[in-house]
C-alpha atoms as a PDB file:
ATOM      1  CA  ILE A   1      37.435 -24.358  24.603  1.00  0.00           C
ATOM      2  CA  SER A   2      36.283 -22.731  27.941  1.00  0.00           C
ATOM      3  CA  THR A   3      37.806 -20.050  29.618  1.00  0.00           C
ATOM      4  CA  ALA A   4      38.754 -19.413  32.861  1.00  0.00           C
ATOM      5  CA  THR A   5      39.869 -15.939  34.957  1.00  0.00           C
ATOM      6  CA  SER A   6      42.595 -16.768  37.515  1.00  0.00           C
ATOM      7  CA  ALA A   7      45.056 -15.092  39.310  1.00  0.00           C
ATOM      8  CA  ARG A   8      47.638 -16.234  38.442  1.00  0.00           C
ATOM      9  CA  GLY A   9      49.336 -19.371  40.620  1.00  0.00           C
ATOM     10  CA  ASP A  10      45.944 -18.980  43.231  1.00  0.00           C
ATOM     11  CA  THR A  11      45.557 -21.928  45.503  1.00  0.00           C
ATOM     12  CA  ALA A  12      43.121 -22.171  48.120  1.00  0.00           C
ATOM     13  CA  GLY A  13      42.384 -24.422  50.666  1.00  0.00           C
ATOM     14  CA  ILE A  14      38.729 -26.050  52.319  1.00  0.00           C
ATOM     15  CA  ILE A  15      38.209 -26.218  56.305  1.00  0.00           C
ATOM     16  CA  VAL A  16      35.595 -28.289  56.901  1.00  0.00           C
ATOM     17  CA  ILE A  17      34.327 -28.398  60.704  1.00  0.00           C
ATOM     18  CA  GLY A  18      31.329 -30.467  62.340  1.00  0.00           C
ATOM     19  CA  ASP A  19      32.022 -33.106  64.485  1.00  0.00           C
ATOM     20  CA  GLU A  20      28.443 -34.128  62.657  1.00  0.00           C
ATOM     21  CA  ILE A  21      30.495 -34.996  58.963  1.00  0.00           C
ATOM     22  CA  LEU A  22      33.079 -36.909  60.840  1.00  0.00           C
ATOM     23  CA  ARG A  23      30.348 -39.000  63.289  1.00  0.00           C
ATOM     24  CA  GLY A  24      28.901 -39.707  59.337  1.00  0.00           C
ATOM     25  CA  ASP A  25      25.524 -37.836  60.418  1.00  0.00           C
ATOM     26  CA  ILE A  26      25.426 -35.259  57.676  1.00  0.00           C
ATOM     27  CA  ALA A  27      26.617 -35.700  53.682  1.00  0.00           C
ATOM     28  CA  ASP A  28      29.356 -32.501  53.221  1.00  0.00           C
ATOM     29  CA  MET A  29      27.082 -30.821  50.492  1.00  0.00           C
ATOM     30  CA  ASN A  30      29.668 -27.277  50.238  1.00  0.00           C
ATOM     31  CA  VAL A  31      33.263 -29.482  49.502  1.00  0.00           C
ATOM     32  CA  HIS A  32      31.347 -30.170  45.468  1.00  0.00           C
ATOM     33  CA  HIS A  33      29.999 -26.987  45.113  1.00  0.00           C
ATOM     34  CA  LEU A  34      33.177 -24.857  46.372  1.00  0.00           C
ATOM     35  CA  CYS A  35      35.580 -26.436  44.485  1.00  0.00           C
ATOM     36  CA  SER A  36      33.198 -26.515  40.913  1.00  0.00           C
ATOM     37  CA  GLN A  37      32.738 -22.874  41.816  1.00  0.00           C
ATOM     38  CA  LEU A  38      36.538 -22.572  42.130  1.00  0.00           C
ATOM     39  CA  ARG A  39      37.807 -23.781  39.081  1.00  0.00           C
ATOM     40  CA  GLU A  40      35.519 -22.076  37.358  1.00  0.00           C
ATOM     41  CA  VAL A  41      37.901 -18.570  38.048  1.00  0.00           C
ATOM     42  CA  GLY A  42      40.832 -20.545  37.895  1.00  0.00           C
ATOM     43  CA  ILE A  43      41.755 -20.833  41.543  1.00  0.00           C
ATOM     44  CA  SER A  44      42.741 -24.047  42.133  1.00  0.00           C
ATOM     45  CA  VAL A  45      41.935 -26.246  45.722  1.00  0.00           C
ATOM     46  CA  GLU A  46      45.170 -28.025  47.300  1.00  0.00           C
ATOM     47  CA  LYS A  47      43.724 -30.196  50.185  1.00  0.00           C
ATOM     48  CA  VAL A  48      40.389 -30.753  51.024  1.00  0.00           C
ATOM     49  CA  SER A  49      39.687 -31.371  55.610  1.00  0.00           C
ATOM     50  CA  ILE A  50      37.645 -31.975  57.335  1.00  0.00           C
ATOM     51  CA  ILE A  51      38.086 -31.294  61.295  1.00  0.00           C
ATOM     52  CA  PRO A  52      36.548 -31.254  64.441  1.00  0.00           C
ATOM     53  CA  ASP A  53      34.371 -29.151  66.563  1.00  0.00           C
ATOM     54  CA  SER A  54      37.577 -28.031  68.647  1.00  0.00           C
ATOM     55  CA  ILE A  55      39.080 -24.647  69.148  1.00  0.00           C
ATOM     56  CA  ASP A  56      42.934 -25.960  69.092  1.00  0.00           C
ATOM     57  CA  VAL A  57      42.323 -27.619  66.143  1.00  0.00           C
ATOM     58  CA  ILE A  58      40.723 -25.452  63.876  1.00  0.00           C
ATOM     59  CA  ALA A  59      43.376 -23.274  65.513  1.00  0.00           C
ATOM     60  CA  GLU A  60      46.511 -25.312  64.240  1.00  0.00           C
ATOM     61  CA  GLU A  61      44.603 -26.067  60.946  1.00  0.00           C
ATOM     62  CA  VAL A  62      44.381 -22.281  60.312  1.00  0.00           C
ATOM     63  CA  LYS A  63      47.754 -21.540  60.467  1.00  0.00           C
ATOM     64  CA  GLN A  64      49.287 -24.245  58.723  1.00  0.00           C
ATOM     65  CA  PHE A  65      46.442 -23.418  55.743  1.00  0.00           C
ATOM     66  CA  SER A  66      46.574 -19.457  55.721  1.00  0.00           C
ATOM     67  CA  THR A  67      50.704 -19.637  54.960  1.00  0.00           C
ATOM     68  CA  SER A  68      50.121 -22.239  52.526  1.00  0.00           C
ATOM     69  CA  TYR A  69      47.359 -21.131  50.846  1.00  0.00           C
ATOM     70  CA  ARG A  70      46.228 -17.737  48.934  1.00  0.00           C
ATOM     71  CA  TYR A  71      41.903 -18.389  50.042  1.00  0.00           C
ATOM     72  CA  VAL A  72      41.267 -19.754  53.138  1.00  0.00           C
ATOM     73  CA  PHE A  73      37.605 -21.492  53.669  1.00  0.00           C
ATOM     74  CA  THR A  74      35.722 -23.013  56.126  1.00  0.00           C
ATOM     75  CA  SER A  75      32.075 -24.218  55.939  1.00  0.00           C
ATOM     76  CA  GLY A  76      30.410 -24.570  59.657  1.00  0.00           C
ATOM     77  CA  GLY A  77      30.810 -24.296  63.621  1.00  0.00           C
ATOM     78  CA  VAL A  78      29.125 -20.487  63.435  1.00  0.00           C
ATOM     79  CA  GLY A  79      25.824 -20.636  64.919  1.00  0.00           C
ATOM     80  CA  PRO A  80      25.224 -20.402  68.516  1.00  0.00           C
ATOM     81  CA  THR A  81      25.204 -23.318  70.531  1.00  0.00           C
ATOM     82  CA  HIS A  82      28.303 -24.136  73.101  1.00  0.00           C
ATOM     83  CA  ASP A  83      29.275 -25.943  69.592  1.00  0.00           C
ATOM     84  CA  ASP A  84      30.195 -23.755  67.348  1.00  0.00           C
ATOM     85  CA  VAL A  85      33.850 -22.665  68.244  1.00  0.00           C
ATOM     86  CA  THR A  86      35.109 -21.927  64.593  1.00  0.00           C
ATOM     87  CA  TYR A  87      35.131 -18.474  64.946  1.00  0.00           C
ATOM     88  CA  GLU A  88      37.406 -18.347  68.382  1.00  0.00           C
ATOM     89  CA  GLY A  89      39.610 -20.854  66.919  1.00  0.00           C
ATOM     90  CA  ILE A  90      40.312 -18.609  63.875  1.00  0.00           C
ATOM     91  CA  ALA A  91      40.428 -16.030  66.332  1.00  0.00           C
ATOM     92  CA  LYS A  92      43.634 -18.311  68.443  1.00  0.00           C
ATOM     93  CA  ALA A  93      45.231 -18.998  64.513  1.00  0.00           C
ATOM     94  CA  LEU A  94      45.564 -15.152  63.846  1.00  0.00           C
ATOM     95  CA  GLY A  95      46.742 -14.997  67.539  1.00  0.00           C
ATOM     96  CA  GLU A  96      43.285 -12.230  68.198  1.00  0.00           C
ATOM     97  CA  GLY A  97      40.554 -11.828  69.969  1.00  0.00           C
ATOM     98  CA  VAL A  98      36.636 -12.070  69.222  1.00  0.00           C
ATOM     99  CA  TYR A  99      34.119  -9.422  70.081  1.00  0.00           C
ATOM    100  CA  VAL A 100      30.791  -8.544  69.411  1.00  0.00           C
ATOM    101  CA  ASN A 101      29.855  -7.246  65.514  1.00  0.00           C
ATOM    102  CA  ALA A 102      27.490  -4.543  65.943  1.00  0.00           C
ATOM    103  CA  GLY A 103      26.037  -5.049  62.794  1.00  0.00           C
ATOM    104  CA  ILE A 104      25.767  -9.348  62.513  1.00  0.00           C
ATOM    105  CA  LEU A 105      24.022  -9.135  65.845  1.00  0.00           C
ATOM    106  CA  GLU A 106      21.579  -6.619  64.135  1.00  0.00           C
ATOM    107  CA  ALA A 107      21.266  -8.661  61.749  1.00  0.00           C
ATOM    108  CA  PHE A 108      19.872 -11.941  63.316  1.00  0.00           C
ATOM    109  CA  GLN A 109      18.201  -9.962  66.062  1.00  0.00           C
ATOM    110  CA  VAL A 110      15.774  -8.445  63.240  1.00  0.00           C
ATOM    111  CA  PHE A 111      15.557 -12.291  62.110  1.00  0.00           C
ATOM    112  CA  TYR A 112      15.144 -13.973  65.545  1.00  0.00           C
ATOM    113  CA  GLY A 113      13.526 -11.109  67.969  1.00  0.00           C
ATOM    114  CA  LYS A 114      15.171  -9.526  70.295  1.00  0.00           C
ATOM    115  CA  ARG A 115      16.045 -11.493  73.533  1.00  0.00           C
ATOM    116  CA  ASP A 116      15.822 -10.348  76.817  1.00  0.00           C
ATOM    117  CA  ASP A 117      15.302 -13.908  78.009  1.00  0.00           C
ATOM    118  CA  ASP A 118      18.546 -16.745  78.824  1.00  0.00           C
ATOM    119  CA  ASN A 119      18.517 -17.136  75.048  1.00  0.00           C
ATOM    120  CA  SER A 120      19.884 -13.411  74.706  1.00  0.00           C
ATOM    121  CA  GLY A 121      23.584 -14.754  75.050  1.00  0.00           C
ATOM    122  CA  ALA A 122      23.214 -17.326  71.711  1.00  0.00           C
ATOM    123  CA  VAL A 123      22.448 -13.905  69.806  1.00  0.00           C
ATOM    124  CA  GLU A 124      25.368 -12.987  70.538  1.00  0.00           C
ATOM    125  CA  LYS A 125      27.194 -15.449  69.273  1.00  0.00           C
ATOM    126  CA  PHE A 126      26.528 -15.309  66.526  1.00  0.00           C
ATOM    127  CA  ALA A 127      28.072 -11.830  65.622  1.00  0.00           C
ATOM    128  CA  THR A 128      30.930 -12.315  68.335  1.00  0.00           C
ATOM    129  CA  VAL A 129      34.078 -12.583  65.275  1.00  0.00           C
ATOM    130  CA  PRO A 130      38.015 -12.445  65.417  1.00  0.00           C
ATOM    131  CA  GLU A 131      38.659  -9.003  66.081  1.00  0.00           C
ATOM    132  CA  SER A 132      40.254  -8.328  63.068  1.00  0.00           C
ATOM    133  CA  SER A 133      37.304  -9.498  60.813  1.00  0.00           C
ATOM    134  CA  GLU A 134      35.330  -7.748  57.330  1.00  0.00           C
ATOM    135  CA  VAL A 135      31.747  -8.234  57.063  1.00  0.00           C
ATOM    136  CA  LEU A 136      30.182  -8.494  53.773  1.00  0.00           C
ATOM    137  CA  TYR A 137      26.655  -8.687  53.579  1.00  0.00           C
ATOM    138  CA  GLY A 138      24.353 -11.675  51.676  1.00  0.00           C
ATOM    139  CA  TYR A 139      21.253 -12.430  51.010  1.00  0.00           C
ATOM    140  CA  LEU A 140      19.407 -15.971  51.470  1.00  0.00           C
ATOM    141  CA  LYS A 141      15.307 -15.333  50.067  1.00  0.00           C
ATOM    142  CA  ARG A 142      13.482 -18.691  51.552  1.00  0.00           C
ATOM    143  CA  PRO A 143       9.464 -18.695  50.947  1.00  0.00           C
ATOM    144  CA  GLY A 144       7.690 -15.247  52.483  1.00  0.00           C
ATOM    145  CA  ARG A 145      11.149 -13.467  53.777  1.00  0.00           C
ATOM    146  CA  THR A 146      14.595 -12.517  52.945  1.00  0.00           C
ATOM    147  CA  ILE A 147      17.628 -13.910  55.615  1.00  0.00           C
ATOM    148  CA  ARG A 148      20.539 -10.795  55.420  1.00  0.00           C
ATOM    149  CA  LEU A 149      24.244 -13.002  56.211  1.00  0.00           C
ATOM    150  CA  PRO A 150      27.394 -12.459  56.809  1.00  0.00           C
ATOM    151  CA  LEU A 151      29.785 -13.588  54.944  1.00  0.00           C
ATOM    152  CA  VAL A 152      33.065 -13.116  57.408  1.00  0.00           C
ATOM    153  CA  ARG A 153      36.524 -12.117  56.375  1.00  0.00           C
ATOM    154  CA  ALA A 154      39.553 -12.802  58.234  1.00  0.00           C
ATOM    155  CA  GLY A 155      43.036 -12.242  56.679  1.00  0.00           C
ATOM    156  CA  ASN A 156      42.427 -14.212  54.034  1.00  0.00           C
ATOM    157  CA  VAL A 157      40.343 -16.781  55.775  1.00  0.00           C
ATOM    158  CA  TYR A 158      36.508 -16.577  54.492  1.00  0.00           C
ATOM    159  CA  ILE A 159      34.027 -18.088  57.507  1.00  0.00           C
ATOM    160  CA  LEU A 160      31.049 -19.582  55.435  1.00  0.00           C
ATOM    161  CA  PRO A 161      28.275 -21.447  57.512  1.00  0.00           C
ATOM    162  CA  GLY A 162      27.759 -24.631  56.952  1.00  0.00           C
ATOM    163  CA  VAL A 163      24.018 -24.666  56.312  1.00  0.00           C
ATOM    164  CA  PRO A 164      24.117 -25.752  51.600  1.00  0.00           C
ATOM    165  CA  LYS A 165      21.759 -22.805  51.145  1.00  0.00           C
ATOM    166  CA  ALA A 166      23.238 -20.457  53.429  1.00  0.00           C
ATOM    167  CA  LEU A 167      26.998 -21.130  51.359  1.00  0.00           C
ATOM    168  CA  ILE A 168      25.843 -20.893  48.575  1.00  0.00           C
ATOM    169  CA  ALA A 169      24.165 -16.973  48.450  1.00  0.00           C
ATOM    170  CA  LEU A 170      26.896 -16.226  50.594  1.00  0.00           C
ATOM    171  CA  PHE A 171      30.228 -17.338  47.814  1.00  0.00           C
ATOM    172  CA  PRO A 172      29.553 -14.591  45.305  1.00  0.00           C
ATOM    173  CA  LEU A 173      30.351 -12.294  47.691  1.00  0.00           C
ATOM    174  CA  PHE A 174      34.428 -13.820  47.870  1.00  0.00           C
ATOM    175  CA  LEU A 175      34.283 -13.377  44.304  1.00  0.00           C
ATOM    176  CA  LYS A 176      33.493  -9.279  44.378  1.00  0.00           C
ATOM    177  CA  ASP A 177      36.158  -9.966  47.079  1.00  0.00           C
ATOM    178  CA  ALA A 178      38.191 -11.225  45.034  1.00  0.00           C
ATOM    179  CA  GLU A 179      38.104  -8.736  41.936  1.00  0.00           C
ATOM    180  CA  ARG A 180      40.613  -6.818  43.219  1.00  0.00           C
ATOM    181  CA  VAL A 181      43.307  -9.110  42.138  1.00  0.00           C
ATOM    182  CA  PRO A 182      44.687  -8.703  38.565  1.00  0.00           C
ATOM    183  CA  LEU A 183      42.906 -12.331  36.793  1.00  0.00           C
ATOM    184  CA  ALA A 184      45.209 -13.686  34.307  1.00  0.00           C
ATOM    185  CA  ARG A 185      43.554 -16.293  32.085  1.00  0.00           C
ATOM    186  CA  PHE A 186      43.577 -20.003  31.102  1.00  0.00           C
ATOM    187  CA  LYS A 187      41.778 -22.610  28.538  1.00  0.00           C
ATOM    188  CA  MET A 188      40.084 -26.051  29.365  1.00  0.00           C
ATOM    189  CA  ASP A 189      38.669 -28.533  26.892  1.00  0.00           C
ATOM    190  CA  GLU A 190      37.416 -32.115  27.443  1.00  0.00           C
ATOM    191  CA  LEU A 191      36.955 -34.948  25.417  1.00  0.00           C
ATOM    192  CA  PHE A 192      34.304 -38.506  26.328  1.00  0.00           C
ATOM    193  CA  LEU A 193      35.819 -41.491  25.369  1.00  0.00           C
ATOM    194  CA  LYS A 194      33.694 -44.923  24.767  1.00  0.00           C
ATOM    195  CA  THR A 195      36.785 -46.732  25.312  1.00  0.00           C
ATOM    196  CA  ASP A 196      37.756 -47.640  29.409  1.00  0.00           C
ATOM    197  CA  GLU A 197      40.207 -45.817  30.838  1.00  0.00           C
ATOM    198  CA  LEU A 198      43.319 -48.748  30.821  1.00  0.00           C
ATOM    199  CA  SER A 199      42.831 -48.844  26.479  1.00  0.00           C
ATOM    200  CA  ILE A 200      44.433 -45.215  26.956  1.00  0.00           C
ATOM    201  CA  THR A 201      46.414 -44.988  29.570  1.00  0.00           C
ATOM    202  CA  ALA A 202      49.483 -45.962  27.495  1.00  0.00           C
ATOM    203  CA  LEU A 203      48.747 -43.196  25.016  1.00  0.00           C
ATOM    204  CA  LEU A 204      47.664 -40.131  27.969  1.00  0.00           C
ATOM    205  CA  ASN A 205      51.100 -41.455  29.551  1.00  0.00           C
ATOM    206  CA  LYS A 206      52.402 -40.268  25.631  1.00  0.00           C
ATOM    207  CA  ALA A 207      49.936 -37.463  25.567  1.00  0.00           C
ATOM    208  CA  VAL A 208      51.198 -36.706  29.363  1.00  0.00           C
ATOM    209  CA  ASP A 209      55.193 -36.705  28.191  1.00  0.00           C
ATOM    210  CA  LYS A 210      54.387 -35.276  24.767  1.00  0.00           C
ATOM    211  CA  PHE A 211      53.073 -31.764  25.853  1.00  0.00           C
ATOM    212  CA  ARG A 212      54.564 -31.817  30.148  1.00  0.00           C
ATOM    213  CA  ASP A 213      55.091 -27.974  31.426  1.00  0.00           C
ATOM    214  CA  LYS A 214      51.824 -26.663  29.060  1.00  0.00           C
ATOM    215  CA  VAL A 215      49.327 -28.731  28.694  1.00  0.00           C
ATOM    216  CA  LYS A 216      47.671 -30.511  32.505  1.00  0.00           C
ATOM    217  CA  PHE A 217      45.610 -33.794  31.560  1.00  0.00           C
ATOM    218  CA  GLY A 218      42.994 -34.835  34.101  1.00  0.00           C
ATOM    219  CA  SER A 219      41.350 -38.426  33.699  1.00  0.00           C
ATOM    220  CA  TYR A 220      38.064 -39.989  35.135  1.00  0.00           C
ATOM    221  CA  PRO A 221      36.056 -42.803  34.567  1.00  0.00           C
ATOM    222  CA  GLU A 222      32.543 -43.111  34.509  1.00  0.00           C
ATOM    223  CA  LEU A 223      30.771 -45.794  36.600  1.00  0.00           C
ATOM    224  CA  ASP A 224      26.751 -45.115  35.447  1.00  0.00           C
ATOM    225  CA  SER A 225      26.687 -43.113  32.369  1.00  0.00           C
ATOM    226  CA  ASN A 226      25.492 -44.378  29.371  1.00  0.00           C
ATOM    227  CA  TYR A 227      26.821 -41.709  26.874  1.00  0.00           C
ATOM    228  CA  PHE A 228      30.857 -42.479  27.783  1.00  0.00           C
ATOM    229  CA  ARG A 229      33.265 -43.959  30.506  1.00  0.00           C
ATOM    230  CA  VAL A 230      36.311 -41.573  30.093  1.00  0.00           C
ATOM    231  CA  ARG A 231      36.684 -37.837  30.582  1.00  0.00           C
ATOM    232  CA  LEU A 232      39.712 -36.702  30.246  1.00  0.00           C
ATOM    233  CA  VAL A 233      40.154 -33.111  30.736  1.00  0.00           C
ATOM    234  CA  LEU A 234      42.937 -31.176  29.552  1.00  0.00           C
ATOM    235  CA  GLU A 235      43.697 -27.588  30.698  1.00  0.00           C
ATOM    236  CA  ALA A 236      46.575 -25.413  30.001  1.00  0.00           C
ATOM    237  CA  GLN A 237      47.119 -21.425  29.620  1.00  0.00           C
ATOM    238  CA  ASP A 238      47.416 -21.072  26.079  1.00  0.00           C
ATOM    239  CA  ALA A 239      44.514 -22.480  23.503  1.00  0.00           C
ATOM    240  CA  SER A 240      47.077 -23.664  20.993  1.00  0.00           C
ATOM    241  CA  ASP A 241      48.791 -25.695  23.787  1.00  0.00           C
ATOM    242  CA  ILE A 242      45.063 -27.655  24.069  1.00  0.00           C
ATOM    243  CA  GLU A 243      44.245 -27.828  20.792  1.00  0.00           C
ATOM    244  CA  ASN A 244      47.907 -29.430  19.528  1.00  0.00           C
ATOM    245  CA  ALA A 245      47.172 -32.194  22.538  1.00  0.00           C
ATOM    246  CA  LYS A 246      43.790 -32.432  21.811  1.00  0.00           C
ATOM    247  CA  SER A 247      44.686 -33.143  18.269  1.00  0.00           C
ATOM    248  CA  PHE A 248      47.540 -35.868  19.101  1.00  0.00           C
ATOM    249  CA  LEU A 249      45.035 -37.530  21.266  1.00  0.00           C
ATOM    250  CA  LEU A 250      42.529 -37.429  18.436  1.00  0.00           C
ATOM    251  CA  ALA A 251      45.101 -38.789  15.759  1.00  0.00           C
ATOM    252  CA  ASN A 252      46.025 -41.562  18.097  1.00  0.00           C
ATOM    253  CA  LEU A 253      42.818 -42.764  19.727  1.00  0.00           C
ATOM    254  CA  PRO A 254      40.676 -46.396  18.806  1.00  0.00           C
ATOM    255  CA  LYS A 255      38.469 -45.945  15.505  1.00  0.00           C
ATOM    256  CA  ASP A 256      34.612 -44.483  16.834  1.00  0.00           C
ATOM    257  CA  SER A 257      35.446 -43.493  20.387  1.00  0.00           C
ATOM    258  CA  VAL A 258      34.754 -40.217  21.199  1.00  0.00           C
ATOM    259  CA  ALA A 259      31.580 -39.791  22.076  1.00  0.00           C
ATOM    260  CA  LYS A 260      29.667 -36.766  22.001  1.00  0.00           C
ATOM    261  CA  PHE A 261      28.104 -35.466  24.605  1.00  0.00           C
ATOM    262  CA  ASP A 262      27.167 -32.267  25.894  1.00  0.00           C
ATOM    263  CA  ARG A 263      27.928 -30.709  29.559  1.00  0.00           C
ATOM    264  CA  ARG A 264      25.712 -28.607  29.198  1.00  0.00           C
ATOM    265  CA  PRO A 265      22.251 -28.621  27.433  1.00  0.00           C
ATOM    266  CA  LEU A 266      20.331 -25.936  28.887  1.00  0.00           C
ATOM    267  CA  GLU A 267      22.942 -23.657  27.723  1.00  0.00           C
ATOM    268  CA  ASP A 268      21.178 -22.650  24.011  1.00  0.00           C
ATOM    269  CA  ALA A 269      18.364 -25.256  24.585  1.00  0.00           C
ATOM    270  CA  TRP A 270      17.116 -24.033  21.550  1.00  0.00           C
ATOM    271  CA  ALA A 271      19.949 -22.982  18.791  1.00  0.00           C
ATOM    272  CA  LYS A 272      21.036 -26.400  19.909  1.00  0.00           C
ATOM    273  CA  LEU A 273      16.802 -27.877  18.741  1.00  0.00           C
ATOM    274  CA  ASP A 274      16.864 -25.967  16.412  1.00  0.00           C
ATOM    275  CA  ALA A 275      19.896 -27.111  14.107  1.00  0.00           C
ATOM    276  CA  THR A 276      18.624 -29.849  14.972  1.00  0.00           C
ATOM    277  CA  PHE A 277      15.003 -29.671  13.585  1.00  0.00           C
ATOM    278  CA  ARG A 278      15.653 -27.918  10.802  1.00  0.00           C
ATOM    279  CA  LYS A 279      16.663 -31.244   8.744  1.00  0.00           C
ATOM    280  CA  LYS A 280      13.980 -33.955  11.006  1.00  0.00           C
ATOM    281  CA  PRO A 281      10.187 -32.972  10.312  1.00  0.00           C
ATOM    282  CA  HIS A 282       9.046 -35.248  13.263  1.00  0.00           C
ATOM    283  CA  VAL A 283      10.836 -32.909  15.529  1.00  0.00           C
ATOM    284  CA  ILE A 284       9.223 -29.333  13.183  1.00  0.00           C
ATOM    285  CA  ASP A 285       6.204 -31.185  14.275  1.00  0.00           C
ATOM    286  CA  ALA A 286       5.992 -31.889  17.911  1.00  0.00           C
ATOM    287  CA  VAL A 287       8.073 -28.162  18.333  1.00  0.00           C
ATOM    288  CA  ARG A 288       4.507 -27.022  16.850  1.00  0.00           C
ATOM    289  CA  VAL A 289       2.608 -28.953  19.238  1.00  0.00           C
ATOM    290  CA  VAL A 290       4.778 -27.430  22.381  1.00  0.00           C
ATOM    291  CA  GLU A 291       4.143 -23.397  20.608  1.00  0.00           C
ATOM    292  CA  GLU A 292       0.399 -24.114  19.703  1.00  0.00           C
ATOM    293  CA  ALA A 293       0.417 -25.452  23.615  1.00  0.00           C
ATOM    294  CA  ILE A 294       2.203 -22.796  25.307  1.00  0.00           C
ATOM    295  CA  SER A 295       0.478 -20.197  22.824  1.00  0.00           C
ATOM    296  CA  THR A 296      -3.341 -21.328  23.640  1.00  0.00           C
ATOM    297  CA  TYR A 297      -2.257 -22.227  27.687  1.00  0.00           C
ATOM    298  CA  THR A 298       0.256 -19.543  28.655  1.00  0.00           C
ATOM    299  CA  ALA A 299       3.202 -21.633  30.046  1.00  0.00           C
ATOM    300  CA  GLN A 300       1.836 -20.951  33.924  1.00  0.00           C
ATOM    301  CA  GLY A 301      -0.696 -23.552  32.589  1.00  0.00           C
ATOM    302  CA  ILE A 302       1.105 -26.693  30.761  1.00  0.00           C
ATOM    303  CA  CYS A 303       2.422 -29.112  32.928  1.00  0.00           C
ATOM    304  CA  ILE A 304       4.304 -32.234  31.871  1.00  0.00           C
ATOM    305  CA  GLY A 305       4.000 -36.073  33.343  1.00  0.00           C
ATOM    306  CA  PHE A 306       7.305 -36.854  34.360  1.00  0.00           C
ATOM    307  CA  SER A 307       8.427 -40.111  35.102  1.00  0.00           C
ATOM    308  CA  GLY A 308      12.479 -40.639  34.892  1.00  0.00           C
ATOM    309  CA  GLY A 309      11.791 -42.277  31.632  1.00  0.00           C
ATOM    310  CA  LYS A 310      13.677 -41.147  28.076  1.00  0.00           C
ATOM    311  CA  ASP A 311      10.441 -40.521  26.486  1.00  0.00           C
ATOM    312  CA  CYS A 312       9.320 -37.608  28.730  1.00  0.00           C
ATOM    313  CA  THR A 313      12.576 -36.389  29.657  1.00  0.00           C
ATOM    314  CA  VAL A 314      12.939 -35.864  26.170  1.00  0.00           C
ATOM    315  CA  ILE A 315       9.387 -33.748  26.132  1.00  0.00           C
ATOM    316  CA  LEU A 316      10.601 -32.094  29.049  1.00  0.00           C
ATOM    317  CA  HIS A 317      14.054 -31.069  26.931  1.00  0.00           C
ATOM    318  CA  LEU A 318      11.890 -30.156  24.008  1.00  0.00           C
ATOM    319  CA  LEU A 319       9.366 -27.539  25.733  1.00  0.00           C
ATOM    320  CA  TYR A 320      12.404 -25.953  27.758  1.00  0.00           C
ATOM    321  CA  ALA A 321      14.119 -25.411  24.737  1.00  0.00           C
ATOM    322  CA  VAL A 322      11.193 -23.530  22.823  1.00  0.00           C
ATOM    323  CA  LEU A 323      10.308 -21.826  26.441  1.00  0.00           C
ATOM    324  CA  GLN A 324      14.008 -20.304  25.781  1.00  0.00           C
ATOM    325  CA  LYS A 325      12.865 -19.300  21.998  1.00  0.00           C
ATOM    326  CA  THR A 326       9.885 -17.186  23.461  1.00  0.00           C
ATOM    327  CA  TYR A 327      11.170 -15.539  26.845  1.00  0.00           C
ATOM    328  CA  GLY A 328      14.660 -15.397  26.111  1.00  0.00           C
ATOM    329  CA  LYS A 329      16.636 -14.472  29.944  1.00  0.00           C
ATOM    330  CA  ASP A 330      13.247 -15.169  30.971  1.00  0.00           C
ATOM    331  CA  THR A 331      12.225 -18.701  31.064  1.00  0.00           C
ATOM    332  CA  PRO A 332       9.647 -19.456  32.984  1.00  0.00           C
ATOM    333  CA  LYS A 333      10.000 -22.591  35.433  1.00  0.00           C
ATOM    334  CA  ILE A 334       8.300 -25.255  34.554  1.00  0.00           C
ATOM    335  CA  HIS A 335       5.497 -26.932  36.292  1.00  0.00           C
ATOM    336  CA  CYS A 336       5.772 -31.075  36.162  1.00  0.00           C
ATOM    337  CA  PHE A 337       4.051 -34.255  38.160  1.00  0.00           C
ATOM    338  CA  TYR A 338       6.235 -36.041  39.045  1.00  0.00           C
ATOM    339  CA  MET A 339       5.678 -40.098  38.869  1.00  0.00           C
ATOM    340  CA  SER A 340       7.731 -42.681  40.771  1.00  0.00           C
ATOM    341  CA  ARG A 341       7.588 -45.775  39.210  1.00  0.00           C
ATOM    342  CA  GLY A 342      10.782 -46.764  40.940  1.00  0.00           C
ATOM    343  CA  THR A 343      12.834 -47.337  37.668  1.00  0.00           C
ATOM    344  CA  VAL A 344      14.573 -44.734  36.465  1.00  0.00           C
ATOM    345  CA  TRP A 345      17.628 -43.676  34.535  1.00  0.00           C
ATOM    346  CA  PRO A 346      21.080 -43.534  36.309  1.00  0.00           C
ATOM    347  CA  GLU A 347      21.579 -40.045  34.772  1.00  0.00           C
ATOM    348  CA  ILE A 348      17.997 -39.282  35.689  1.00  0.00           C
END
């Protein structure tokens, strides 16, 4: 059972802004990241909206979201071009004007250089934000340079860039900003089932009725996995409620229908492997070969030939586990030579 922290009743809404998303020119990558990260800290995303680059539409949507949810996140529309109007739309929603923030302007002048030509106004547009804005700064590391980026908050609206790498770099600033809120705790657990969703519907309905107002259930079919067909999620504030609900399900599910599946195989990879190879001599031999290779050539001198098949995936995981044992938290990156053969397992 995993534990998440949450301000009791915390909710969030996400607004994705961009004509290019609505046209299908670009696939949105940000909603998944935001939803998964917010769930980790116990904040429930209630609604996601995708809207065009229009000041009036942005203003109306932000006004509705900001009064409906504790936190609002927008992504996109904070660049220097004519269709980047997110700041103006949010300012209109809040009934205020915009101004050029000196700190943001300086950050972008450092990155782009000061401009005395016709593009000087474009740099200023990066920094033209709602009057009530508070600004937090994060850093995006790229090869050979580090970029200082702003996370702008106006009221309960956190205004994020649309570029996924930038959004990922800035999101931890929200977590730090939200630390001042008293947190409660709730629990989560999962069951992975080999049977199809239709076969468990009646039992799941009984569980929902039996643990109503105590446990929240989610059922999610998986079409491509070789390991399971349905993932059941149980959430509650009390661990004992989850244990009771899980016991009820396990006692009534068809025999041998629960799959052993590890969603986070890289966490404590060595400890898991160690528990296995004590019983399997061939794994002991494989570990010794890997240890000898690391001792002889170092981690930087080893390259894995990888084609996406089962055998090389096992070797890759074995090497990672032994490196984790050797280096701990400072586990180095693994060098791989990828050989595409056109036939790989879906999970890879």
